[in-house]
Protein backbone atom coordinates (compact mmCIF):
# COMPACT_ATOMS: atom_id res chain seq x y z
CA MET A 1 -5.66 246.59 73.35
CA ASN A 2 -3.51 244.18 75.35
CA SER A 3 -4.53 241.33 73.10
CA ASN A 4 -3.34 243.32 70.09
CA TYR A 5 0.11 243.75 71.69
CA ILE A 6 0.28 240.03 72.40
CA LEU A 7 -0.60 239.16 68.81
CA LEU A 8 1.99 241.63 67.51
CA GLY A 9 4.68 240.08 69.74
CA LEU A 10 3.88 236.59 68.53
CA ALA A 11 4.15 237.74 64.94
CA PHE A 12 7.63 239.21 65.54
CA ALA A 13 8.77 235.99 67.24
CA LEU A 14 7.52 233.87 64.34
CA CYS A 15 9.39 236.03 61.82
CA PHE A 16 12.62 235.74 63.85
CA VAL A 17 12.39 231.95 63.87
CA LEU A 18 11.71 231.81 60.15
CA LEU A 19 14.59 234.17 59.36
CA SER A 20 17.05 232.15 61.50
CA GLY A 21 16.10 228.95 59.70
CA CYS A 22 16.65 230.55 56.33
CA THR A 23 20.07 231.86 57.36
CA ASN A 24 21.20 228.45 58.63
CA THR A 25 19.97 226.80 55.46
CA ALA A 26 21.98 229.26 53.39
CA LYS A 27 25.13 228.53 55.38
CA SER A 28 24.61 224.80 55.05
CA ASP A 29 24.18 225.09 51.30
CA THR A 30 27.39 227.10 51.05
CA LEU A 31 29.38 224.46 52.93
CA SER A 32 27.94 221.48 51.11
CA THR A 33 28.92 222.86 47.72
CA GLY A 34 32.52 223.20 48.85
CA THR A 35 32.72 226.92 48.11
CA ILE A 36 34.22 227.78 51.47
CA SER A 37 37.29 229.99 51.48
CA LYS A 38 40.13 227.46 51.17
CA ASP A 39 43.16 226.95 48.94
CA LYS A 40 42.14 224.46 46.25
CA ASN A 41 45.78 223.69 45.61
CA SER A 42 46.05 222.25 49.09
CA THR A 43 46.06 218.45 49.26
CA SER A 44 43.51 218.64 52.07
CA TYR A 45 40.91 220.46 49.97
CA ASN A 46 37.89 218.38 49.01
CA PRO A 47 35.04 220.26 47.32
CA ASN A 48 32.66 217.37 48.07
CA SER A 49 33.13 217.21 51.82
CA VAL A 50 31.81 219.28 54.68
CA PRO A 51 34.54 220.49 57.08
CA GLY A 52 34.34 218.71 60.40
CA SER A 53 32.27 215.90 58.91
CA SER A 54 32.98 212.53 57.30
CA GLU A 55 29.92 212.88 55.09
CA SER A 56 30.34 213.42 51.36
CA ASN A 57 28.24 215.51 49.03
CA SER A 58 28.49 212.74 46.41
CA SER A 59 26.12 209.84 46.96
CA ASP A 60 28.34 207.36 45.09
CA GLN A 61 31.65 208.34 46.65
CA LYS A 62 33.13 205.48 48.70
CA SER A 63 34.69 206.17 52.06
CA ASP A 64 38.47 205.81 52.30
CA THR A 65 39.21 202.87 54.56
CA THR A 66 42.92 202.76 53.69
CA PRO A 67 45.03 202.81 56.86
CA SER A 68 46.91 206.00 57.58
CA THR A 69 50.64 205.98 56.93
CA THR A 70 51.45 207.84 60.12
CA PRO A 71 53.89 206.22 62.55
CA GLU A 72 50.98 205.60 64.92
CA SER A 73 49.12 203.46 62.39
CA GLU A 74 52.31 201.64 61.42
CA GLU A 75 52.83 200.81 65.08
CA ALA A 76 49.31 199.41 65.26
CA LEU A 77 49.76 197.36 62.08
CA LYS A 78 53.24 195.96 62.59
CA ASP A 79 52.14 192.95 64.65
CA THR A 80 49.24 192.10 62.36
CA PRO A 81 50.05 189.12 60.11
CA GLY A 82 49.89 190.14 56.46
CA ALA A 83 49.42 193.80 57.33
CA VAL A 84 50.01 196.17 54.42
CA ILE A 85 51.64 199.48 55.25
CA ASN A 86 50.91 202.08 52.61
CA THR A 87 53.80 203.76 50.84
CA PRO A 88 53.67 207.56 51.13
CA SER A 89 54.86 209.37 48.03
CA ASN A 90 58.45 210.62 48.15
CA LYS A 91 58.81 209.74 51.84
CA ARG A 92 60.92 207.11 53.51
CA LEU A 93 59.15 204.48 55.55
CA ASP A 94 59.94 203.94 59.22
CA LEU A 95 58.82 200.30 59.00
CA LEU A 96 59.22 198.05 55.96
CA PRO A 97 56.98 195.05 55.20
CA LEU A 98 58.87 191.76 55.28
CA GLY A 99 59.32 190.02 51.93
CA ASP A 100 59.37 186.47 53.36
CA GLY A 101 57.87 184.03 50.86
CA LYS A 102 56.87 186.80 48.43
CA TYR A 103 57.64 184.84 45.28
CA SER A 104 55.24 184.35 42.39
CA THR A 105 54.89 182.02 39.43
CA SER A 106 54.26 184.94 37.08
CA PRO A 107 55.29 188.61 37.10
CA LYS A 108 53.70 190.51 39.99
CA VAL A 109 54.35 193.96 41.46
CA GLY A 110 56.16 193.79 44.78
CA TYR A 111 57.12 190.13 44.33
CA ILE A 112 59.99 188.12 42.87
CA TYR A 113 59.04 186.02 39.87
CA SER A 114 61.26 183.15 40.95
CA CYS A 115 62.46 180.20 38.92
CA ASP A 116 62.71 178.36 42.23
CA THR A 117 59.78 177.63 44.52
CA GLN A 118 61.61 175.34 46.92
CA PHE A 119 64.06 177.02 49.28
CA ASN A 120 66.19 174.80 51.49
CA GLY A 121 69.28 176.89 52.14
CA GLY A 122 70.65 178.43 55.31
CA GLY A 123 71.16 181.98 56.51
CA ALA A 124 70.80 183.95 59.72
CA PHE A 125 69.68 181.62 62.51
CA LYS A 126 67.91 184.17 64.73
CA ASP A 127 65.70 187.20 64.08
CA GLY A 128 67.02 190.46 65.45
CA PRO A 129 64.88 192.93 67.44
CA TRP A 130 64.48 195.04 64.31
CA ILE A 131 62.04 192.40 63.00
CA GLU A 132 58.63 192.84 64.59
CA GLY A 133 55.79 190.70 63.30
CA SER A 134 55.34 191.29 59.60
CA VAL A 135 57.52 194.40 59.40
CA TRP A 136 61.08 195.43 60.16
CA ASP A 137 62.85 198.61 61.18
CA PRO A 138 66.07 199.20 59.17
CA SER A 139 67.22 201.90 61.62
CA LYS A 140 67.57 199.27 64.37
CA LYS A 141 69.44 196.65 62.35
CA VAL A 142 73.09 195.90 63.15
CA THR A 143 75.87 195.56 60.57
CA VAL A 144 78.99 193.45 60.42
CA ASP A 145 81.99 195.23 61.94
CA GLY A 146 85.19 196.10 60.13
CA ALA A 147 86.61 198.18 57.29
CA VAL A 148 88.73 195.85 55.16
CA VAL A 149 90.43 197.51 52.16
CA TRP A 150 90.76 195.50 48.93
CA LYS A 151 93.69 196.86 46.93
CA ASN A 152 93.55 194.27 44.14
CA GLY A 153 90.01 194.86 42.95
CA LYS A 154 89.59 194.77 39.17
CA LEU A 155 86.72 195.91 36.97
CA THR A 156 86.63 196.71 33.27
CA ILE A 157 83.54 197.59 31.22
CA THR A 158 84.00 197.67 27.45
CA LEU A 159 81.40 198.72 24.90
CA SER A 160 81.92 197.19 21.46
CA GLY A 161 79.19 197.18 18.84
CA ASP A 162 76.03 195.67 20.31
CA LYS A 163 77.79 194.12 23.31
CA ARG A 164 78.88 195.37 26.70
CA ARG A 165 81.59 193.23 28.27
CA ILE A 166 82.05 193.29 32.04
CA VAL A 167 85.11 191.67 33.65
CA SER A 168 85.49 191.66 37.43
CA ASN A 169 87.25 189.75 40.21
CA ASP A 170 84.48 190.66 42.71
CA LEU A 171 86.82 192.49 45.07
CA PRO A 172 84.94 195.76 45.64
CA ASN A 173 86.23 199.31 45.27
CA HIS A 174 85.02 200.05 48.81
CA THR A 175 85.72 198.60 52.24
CA THR A 176 83.92 195.54 53.57
CA GLY A 177 83.21 194.05 56.96
CA VAL A 178 85.31 191.29 58.50
CA PHE A 179 84.17 187.83 57.38
CA PRO A 180 83.72 185.23 58.77
CA ILE A 181 81.71 187.15 61.35
CA SER A 182 83.68 187.31 64.59
CA SER A 183 82.19 186.00 67.82
CA ASN A 184 82.99 189.44 69.28
CA ASP A 185 80.76 191.13 66.70
CA ASP A 186 77.22 191.97 67.84
CA ALA A 187 76.04 190.57 64.48
CA TYR A 188 77.19 187.14 65.67
CA GLN A 189 74.14 186.94 67.94
CA TYR A 190 71.92 186.62 64.86
CA ASP A 191 74.04 185.57 61.87
CA ARG A 192 77.22 183.48 62.07
CA ASN A 193 78.22 183.68 58.44
CA PRO A 194 81.34 181.44 58.28
CA ASN A 195 82.34 182.43 54.74
CA SER A 196 85.38 184.47 53.69
CA ILE A 197 85.47 186.93 50.80
CA LYS A 198 87.43 185.40 47.93
CA GLU A 199 88.48 186.61 44.50
CA GLN A 200 86.16 185.45 41.72
CA SER A 201 86.31 185.32 37.94
CA ILE A 202 83.40 187.13 36.30
CA ASP A 203 83.36 187.71 32.55
CA ILE A 204 80.03 188.39 30.85
CA SER A 205 78.78 190.05 27.68
CA LEU A 206 75.46 191.85 27.83
CA ALA A 207 73.28 193.36 25.13
CA ALA A 208 74.29 197.01 24.84
CA ASN A 209 70.77 197.97 23.76
CA PRO A 210 68.45 195.23 25.02
CA THR A 211 65.02 194.64 23.50
CA LEU A 212 61.90 194.21 25.60
CA VAL A 213 60.25 190.81 25.35
CA ASP A 214 56.52 190.13 25.51
CA ASN A 215 56.87 187.68 28.37
CA PRO A 216 59.29 188.51 31.21
CA SER A 217 61.63 185.80 32.49
CA CYS A 218 61.87 184.47 36.02
CA GLY A 219 65.08 184.91 37.96
CA SER A 220 66.90 183.58 41.01
CA GLY A 221 70.26 184.18 42.62
CA THR A 222 72.37 186.70 40.72
CA VAL A 223 70.40 189.30 38.75
CA GLY A 224 73.04 191.91 37.91
CA ILE A 225 76.54 193.35 38.23
CA MET A 226 77.13 196.69 39.92
CA LEU A 227 79.68 199.38 39.03
CA SER A 228 81.69 198.34 42.08
CA GLY A 229 82.33 195.02 40.33
CA VAL A 230 80.10 193.21 42.84
CA PRO A 231 77.22 190.90 41.82
CA LEU A 232 73.68 191.80 42.81
CA PHE A 233 71.53 188.94 44.13
CA ASN A 234 67.76 189.17 44.32
CA GLY A 235 65.93 189.94 47.56
CA PHE A 236 65.78 186.37 48.91
CA ASP A 237 68.19 184.47 51.09
CA ALA A 238 68.73 180.76 50.39
CA GLY A 239 65.73 179.97 52.58
CA GLY A 240 63.30 182.14 50.58
CA ARG A 241 63.19 184.84 53.25
CA ASP A 242 63.76 188.58 52.99
CA ALA A 243 67.57 188.61 52.84
CA VAL A 244 67.92 192.32 53.58
CA ALA A 245 65.87 192.03 56.77
CA HIS A 246 67.08 188.67 58.12
CA GLU A 247 70.71 188.32 57.05
CA ILE A 248 73.42 190.61 58.41
CA GLN A 249 75.44 192.56 55.86
CA ASP A 250 78.33 194.97 56.37
CA SER A 251 77.99 198.75 56.29
CA CYS A 252 78.09 198.67 52.47
CA GLY A 253 75.24 196.15 52.30
CA GLY A 254 77.31 193.15 51.24
CA HIS A 255 78.41 189.73 52.49
CA PRO A 256 79.91 186.52 51.03
CA GLN A 257 78.18 183.21 50.23
CA VAL A 258 79.68 179.73 50.52
CA SER A 259 82.12 180.06 47.60
CA GLY A 260 83.34 183.43 48.87
CA GLN A 261 81.41 185.53 46.36
CA TYR A 262 80.78 188.93 47.92
CA HIS A 263 77.37 190.29 46.84
CA TYR A 264 74.53 192.70 47.58
CA HIS A 265 70.78 192.08 47.92
CA SER A 266 69.78 195.76 47.75
CA GLU A 267 71.28 199.14 46.90
CA SER A 268 74.67 199.57 48.54
CA SER A 269 75.21 202.81 50.41
CA CYS A 270 78.79 202.67 49.08
CA LEU A 271 77.67 203.10 45.46
CA ASN A 272 77.74 206.72 44.32
CA ASP A 273 74.25 208.02 43.56
CA SER A 274 73.71 211.76 43.20
CA GLY A 275 69.95 211.33 42.75
CA GLY A 276 67.34 213.17 44.78
CA LYS A 277 66.61 216.90 45.10
CA ALA A 278 64.82 216.99 41.72
CA THR A 279 67.47 214.78 40.09
CA HIS A 280 67.08 211.26 38.69
CA SER A 281 69.32 208.60 40.21
CA ASP A 282 72.58 207.63 38.56
CA LEU A 283 73.31 204.37 36.77
CA LEU A 284 74.61 201.98 39.43
CA GLY A 285 74.94 198.73 37.48
CA TYR A 286 73.60 196.42 34.81
CA SER A 287 71.00 193.68 34.91
CA LEU A 288 71.87 190.32 33.36
CA ASP A 289 69.43 191.19 30.58
CA GLY A 290 71.44 194.32 29.71
CA PHE A 291 69.14 197.02 31.05
CA GLY A 292 70.50 199.58 33.49
CA ILE A 293 69.91 199.51 37.24
CA TYR A 294 69.45 202.94 38.80
CA GLY A 295 69.11 204.19 42.36
CA GLU A 296 65.96 204.92 44.35
CA TYR A 297 65.07 208.24 42.69
CA GLY A 298 62.98 208.52 39.54
CA GLU A 299 61.96 211.48 37.43
CA ASN A 300 62.29 214.87 39.15
CA GLY A 301 64.05 213.21 42.06
CA THR A 302 60.95 211.40 43.30
CA LEU A 303 61.72 208.67 45.84
CA LEU A 304 60.36 205.43 44.40
CA HIS A 305 58.78 202.39 46.03
CA ALA A 306 57.72 199.03 44.65
CA ALA A 307 54.17 200.27 44.01
CA ASP A 308 55.54 202.98 41.68
CA LEU A 309 57.21 200.44 39.38
CA ASP A 310 56.08 197.62 37.12
CA GLU A 311 56.04 193.91 37.93
CA CYS A 312 59.78 193.61 37.17
CA HIS A 313 60.66 196.68 39.28
CA GLY A 314 61.31 199.06 36.41
CA GLN A 315 59.84 201.84 34.30
CA THR A 316 60.34 203.66 30.99
CA HIS A 317 61.30 207.31 30.59
CA ALA A 318 64.26 209.46 29.55
CA ILE A 319 67.58 208.47 31.15
CA MET A 320 71.27 208.90 30.48
CA TRP A 321 72.51 205.84 28.61
CA ASP A 322 76.03 205.61 27.22
CA GLY A 323 76.43 209.37 27.31
CA LYS A 324 73.13 210.16 25.59
CA THR A 325 69.62 210.93 26.79
CA GLN A 326 67.35 208.12 25.67
CA VAL A 327 63.80 207.06 26.47
CA MET A 328 64.17 203.44 27.45
CA TYR A 329 63.27 200.82 30.02
CA HIS A 330 65.40 200.46 33.16
CA TYR A 331 65.27 199.05 36.68
CA HIS A 332 65.33 200.90 40.00
CA PHE A 333 66.37 200.07 43.52
CA THR A 334 63.82 200.77 46.26
CA GLU A 335 63.99 200.67 50.03
CA ASP A 336 61.15 198.14 50.14
CA PHE A 337 60.95 194.54 48.92
CA PRO A 338 61.91 193.20 46.41
CA TYR A 339 64.56 195.96 46.58
CA SER A 340 65.68 195.43 42.97
CA ILE A 341 64.84 193.27 39.95
CA GLY A 342 61.72 191.14 40.30
CA CYS A 343 61.94 189.58 36.83
CA PHE A 344 63.74 190.17 33.54
CA ARG A 345 62.16 192.35 30.82
CA ALA A 346 64.71 191.15 28.24
CA LYS A 347 66.52 187.85 27.77
CA PRO A 348 69.13 187.39 30.55
CA VAL A 349 72.59 185.89 30.08
CA SER A 350 74.53 183.53 32.33
CA LEU A 351 77.40 184.52 34.56
CA GLY A 352 78.99 181.21 33.59
CA ALA A 353 81.22 179.02 35.70
CA GLY A 354 83.03 181.92 37.31
CA GLY A 355 79.87 183.53 38.59
CA GLY A 356 78.13 180.41 39.75
CA GLU A 357 74.63 181.09 38.45
CA SER A 358 72.85 180.00 35.29
CA PRO A 359 70.45 182.10 33.16
CA GLY A 360 67.54 183.14 35.26
CA GLY A 361 69.23 181.38 37.98
CA GLN A 362 69.95 179.15 40.81
CA MET A 363 69.62 180.17 44.40
CA PRO A 364 72.87 181.17 46.14
CA PRO A 365 74.50 178.02 47.56
CA PRO A 366 73.51 177.39 51.18
CA ARG A 367 76.00 178.11 53.91
C-alpha cells in the first residue's frame, strides 16, 4: 500500500518536471522569433534578437562593433589617434574630428581633393584647449573680439543669359572682428593674425546653369563667393591643417589673409539661413563652378554631415534656383570637415587678379 503511494508521488513529480520544461521551451521559442509585444516602429525593435541578450537569431548576422555616438564614447575616443566618431543622423556633434592633412589625390568623401599637396604656409601658432587629440570642441573655441561695421560694402549679382556676374569689394554686409588681432584679445594667445581687412576687387562670371562633368576637378584656396560678398576658402589653412579648428576667426567665421582679403572657411553664422524644422536650407552663395552652396540642412530639414554627401560635398534633389524649383546638383555646408566644397563637379572659373586665386586654385598666401 505504502509503496503504491510512493510510486504515485514519483509519477506526479515527473509530470511536473516535464510540464515545466515544455512551458519554458515555449517561452524561449516565442522570444527567439521576435514576436514579443513591442512597437515595431521603434528604432530599438529587432525581430532577430532576444531581449537582454547580444545573441542573434540569424546565424549570418554580424555583430555591430561600431562605437557608440554617445558623449561617453566620444570622450573615450577623442585622444585616440585616427579615431572616427560616428555621425548621428540629424544631431549635432559635441566633438568634431580634425581635418588635418585630409587631402586626397582623387575625389573622396570627407576629404579635400586638393591641387596642392605641399603646404608651407603659416597660421595659428598654438593649439587652443578646444583641440584634444584628434578631435576638437567648437563650443570651447574663442573668437576674435570686436564688431566693426563696414558701410562701404558693395555686391551686385546680375543674371544675363547663361552667365551670372558677381561683383564685390569683399567688405561684408555684417560686422567683423578687429584685425590685426589685438594683444589684449584672448585669441592672441593662439593666433596673432597681423593682417588688416582691405577692400578687394572681385568680378567673376559663372555659368548660370552649370553642367556636371564626368571627372571632378581639384581645388585649393578660394572655392566660392557668398551672398555677403565674401569669398569662401576651402577647409585648409596655408599649412594644410583644419583651418576652422586651428585658426581663430571672428564671431561671423571670417578673417583676413596677407593681402587683406576677408574670407570664410565654413558656413558663417552671419549668413541668413532659414533651414531646419522640416525646411531645406537657403542658398548662401555660389561655387566657382556655378553650382549653388546651401546651408547645413537638406531635404525635410535634415541636418547633414559629410557622410551624407558625395565626394565633392554635394547632392542632387529639388531646390529653389533662380526663383524656380529645379532638380539639380548643389553643394552643402556641414559642421564637420571639409565644411564645404571638397572638389568641383563642373568646370570652375578663376577669380582673376582681383581675387588672387587661379582656377582650381592656389593656397591662400602665407601670413
